[in-house]
Each structure stands twice: as C-alpha cells, then as structure tokens.
C-alpha cells in the first residue's frame, strides 16, 4: 500500500530538523500515540524509536493485544532542506514500511513529506491488514505535526 502524507510547520527546515532529532520531543510523540512503553535513541542524524502500541482490531488475531513498532530514520542534508530514509518494522510480524522523508522550505515555514510502501506479507489478508495498519503508520507522523506547533513556538 502506498503511503503519501504531508505535514506543515511554521519554521525553517533546520529548526524542524532539530525538532525531529530531539529526544524529548520524540518521547512526547511516543506518549501521544498511546505507546504503553517506548525507547528513543538519537545518534546525530540517526533516530531509532521502538513503541509498544495497542494492536489494531484487524491485526489482533495475529499480533495479540499489543505490537511493537520499530522505526529507523537516517537523515541527510539536501540542497534546500533534508531528506531521510525511513524503515518501520513490527518484529515477529510480516509487516514493514520503507519510505523517505523530504523536508523543504515552503514560504515562511517548512513542509515534511512522507512517502513509501507499507507491506503486510500475509496471503489473502495482506491488503486488508495494510489498510488497518496504515493509520498506525501515519499516527506518529500526524502527531509530530500536531505537537510540532507548540514545540516550535517555545
């Protein structure tokens, strides 16, 4: 399933990048996405988060009540902003997301675009499970946008 989403921020790309690599900010994102436990590691331009989340209803027969989502992001500089490679996996489950971030200047602020492919490798049910998992993939992204306004104005 193709994922394509966009978030807007009222700050320059370098300020948004600093936010997206700030451990305290990323921990707040984990909390706001209802993670029951989480771990955030920031090492320069690399970010790794692991969140235990309630399973979507359609996935519970396969995952149980909770699932762990591990996300790795590697950022690089680009001409007018930043790009990042994004991988997301659910250990022990046939679920993965491979995509990219693009952070660019946009007027007085910035735009962050997330594109990629979400794949659930389960015969016959994969497409339905991808549709159920897509909101969870986008929840962290949307939460970054929501919390980013307060973070950037502080």
Protein backbone atom coordinates (compact mmCIF):
# COMPACT_ATOMS: atom_id res chain seq x y z
CA UNK A 1 0.00 0.00 0.00
CA UNK A 2 1.40 3.37 -1.00
CA UNK A 3 1.70 5.95 1.78
CA UNK A 4 1.89 9.63 0.86
CA UNK A 5 1.37 12.30 3.50
CA UNK A 6 2.40 15.86 4.15
CA UNK A 7 2.87 17.99 7.29
CA UNK A 8 3.41 21.73 7.51
CA UNK A 9 5.45 23.60 10.10
CA UNK A 10 5.83 27.32 10.81
CA UNK A 11 9.63 27.21 11.00
CA UNK A 12 12.67 26.88 8.76
CA UNK A 13 13.82 23.37 7.77
CA UNK A 14 16.80 23.43 10.14
CA UNK A 15 14.53 24.22 13.11
CA UNK A 16 12.15 21.41 12.10
CA UNK A 17 15.08 19.02 11.65
CA UNK A 18 16.34 19.94 15.14
CA UNK A 19 12.86 19.14 16.49
CA UNK A 20 12.68 15.81 14.62
CA UNK A 21 16.01 14.77 16.13
CA UNK A 22 15.25 15.99 19.67
CA UNK A 23 14.88 13.06 22.05
CA UNK A 24 12.48 14.89 24.40
CA UNK A 25 10.20 15.84 21.51
CA UNK A 26 10.24 12.29 20.13
CA UNK A 27 9.38 10.88 23.56
CA UNK A 28 6.34 13.19 23.69
CA UNK A 29 5.30 11.87 20.26
CA UNK A 30 5.55 8.31 21.62
CA UNK A 31 3.41 9.25 24.63
CA UNK A 32 0.79 10.97 22.46
CA UNK A 33 0.48 7.92 20.20
CA UNK A 34 -0.60 5.91 23.26
CA UNK A 35 2.57 3.84 23.46
CA UNK A 36 2.47 1.69 26.60
CA UNK A 37 6.27 1.70 26.60
CA UNK A 38 8.88 3.20 24.29
CA UNK A 39 12.56 3.80 23.70
CA UNK A 40 14.09 6.65 21.71
CA UNK A 41 17.72 6.73 20.57
CA UNK A 42 19.13 9.75 18.77
CA UNK A 43 22.67 9.45 17.42
CA UNK A 44 23.50 12.52 15.36
CA UNK A 45 21.39 12.28 12.20
CA UNK A 46 20.03 8.81 13.02
CA UNK A 47 16.87 8.26 15.04
CA UNK A 48 15.52 4.95 16.28
CA UNK A 49 12.25 4.59 18.14
CA UNK A 50 10.59 1.49 19.48
CA UNK A 51 6.99 1.73 20.67
CA UNK A 52 4.64 -0.85 22.16
CA UNK A 53 1.16 0.02 20.91
CA UNK A 54 -2.34 -1.43 21.16
CA UNK A 55 -2.93 -3.64 18.12
CA UNK A 56 -5.49 -2.56 15.50
CA UNK A 57 -8.64 -4.69 15.75
CA UNK A 58 -8.00 -6.42 12.41
CA UNK A 59 -4.48 -7.40 13.45
CA UNK A 60 -5.22 -8.74 16.96
CA UNK A 61 -5.75 -12.35 15.83
CA UNK A 62 -2.17 -12.27 14.50
CA UNK A 63 -0.39 -9.96 16.97
CA UNK A 64 -2.23 -10.22 20.26
CA UNK A 65 -3.30 -7.16 22.25
CA UNK A 66 -0.12 -5.16 21.58
CA UNK A 67 2.56 -4.90 18.95
CA UNK A 68 5.99 -3.34 18.85
CA UNK A 69 6.78 -0.85 16.11
CA UNK A 70 10.46 -0.12 15.44
CA UNK A 71 11.26 2.88 13.26
CA UNK A 72 14.70 3.86 11.94
CA UNK A 73 15.32 7.20 10.26
CA UNK A 74 18.61 8.29 8.70
CA UNK A 75 18.73 11.97 7.79
CA UNK A 76 20.96 13.62 5.17
CA UNK A 77 21.34 17.21 4.03
CA UNK A 78 19.92 18.23 0.68
CA UNK A 79 20.06 21.47 -1.28
CA UNK A 80 17.26 23.33 0.47
CA UNK A 81 16.45 21.10 3.40
CA UNK A 82 16.85 17.47 4.44
CA UNK A 83 15.96 14.03 3.21
CA UNK A 84 15.63 10.91 5.29
CA UNK A 85 15.23 7.21 4.71
CA UNK A 86 12.57 5.60 6.89
CA UNK A 87 12.14 1.94 7.74
CA UNK A 88 9.47 0.64 10.05
CA UNK A 89 9.14 -2.97 11.17
CA UNK A 90 6.97 -4.95 13.54
CA UNK A 91 9.32 -7.61 14.98
CA UNK A 92 7.87 -11.09 14.69
CA UNK A 93 5.25 -9.94 12.20
CA UNK A 94 5.31 -9.83 8.37
CA UNK A 95 4.91 -6.04 8.33
CA UNK A 96 7.33 -3.45 7.01
CA UNK A 97 7.37 0.08 5.70
CA UNK A 98 10.14 1.51 3.53
CA UNK A 99 9.98 5.15 2.64
CA UNK A 100 11.51 8.57 2.69
CA UNK A 101 11.10 11.94 4.29
CA UNK A 102 11.64 15.17 2.41
CA UNK A 103 11.89 18.36 4.48
CA UNK A 104 11.90 21.54 2.41
CA UNK A 105 11.40 25.27 2.85
CA UNK A 106 7.87 26.32 1.96
CA UNK A 107 7.05 30.01 2.14
CA UNK A 108 7.72 31.22 5.69
CA UNK A 109 7.83 27.65 7.02
CA UNK A 110 8.58 24.09 6.01
CA UNK A 111 6.86 21.06 4.56
CA UNK A 112 7.68 17.50 5.55
CA UNK A 113 6.56 14.81 3.12
CA UNK A 114 6.43 11.11 3.92
CA UNK A 115 6.21 8.66 1.02
CA UNK A 116 6.75 4.93 0.90
CA UNK A 117 5.38 1.43 0.68
CA UNK A 118 3.63 -0.39 3.54
CA UNK A 119 3.63 -4.15 3.06
CA UNK A 120 1.95 -6.91 5.07
CA UNK A 121 3.04 -10.28 3.72
CA UNK A 122 0.03 -12.41 4.65
CA UNK A 123 -1.64 -14.35 1.82
CA UNK A 124 -5.21 -13.26 1.08
CA UNK A 125 -5.40 -10.88 4.07
CA UNK A 126 -2.37 -8.66 3.35
CA UNK A 127 -4.29 -5.85 1.66
CA UNK A 128 -6.91 -5.70 4.44
CA UNK A 129 -4.20 -5.70 7.11
CA UNK A 130 -2.28 -2.97 5.24
CA UNK A 131 -5.41 -0.83 5.30
CA UNK A 132 -5.77 -1.47 9.03
CA UNK A 133 -2.08 -0.71 9.70
CA UNK A 134 -1.86 2.49 7.62
CA UNK A 135 -3.49 4.72 10.29
CA UNK A 136 -0.95 3.47 12.84
CA UNK A 137 1.91 4.28 10.47
CA UNK A 138 0.53 7.77 9.94
CA UNK A 139 -0.36 8.37 13.61
CA UNK A 140 3.22 9.18 14.57
CA UNK A 141 3.60 11.43 11.55
CA UNK A 142 0.39 13.34 12.32
CA UNK A 143 1.33 13.60 15.99
CA UNK A 144 4.66 15.18 15.05
CA UNK A 145 2.77 17.85 13.14
CA UNK A 146 0.32 18.43 15.99
CA UNK A 147 2.96 18.65 18.73
CA UNK A 148 5.39 20.49 16.48
CA UNK A 149 3.41 23.72 16.58
CA UNK A 150 3.86 24.01 20.37
CA UNK A 151 7.47 22.84 20.26
CA UNK A 152 8.48 25.33 17.57
CA UNK A 153 6.74 28.28 19.23
CA UNK A 154 8.51 27.65 22.57
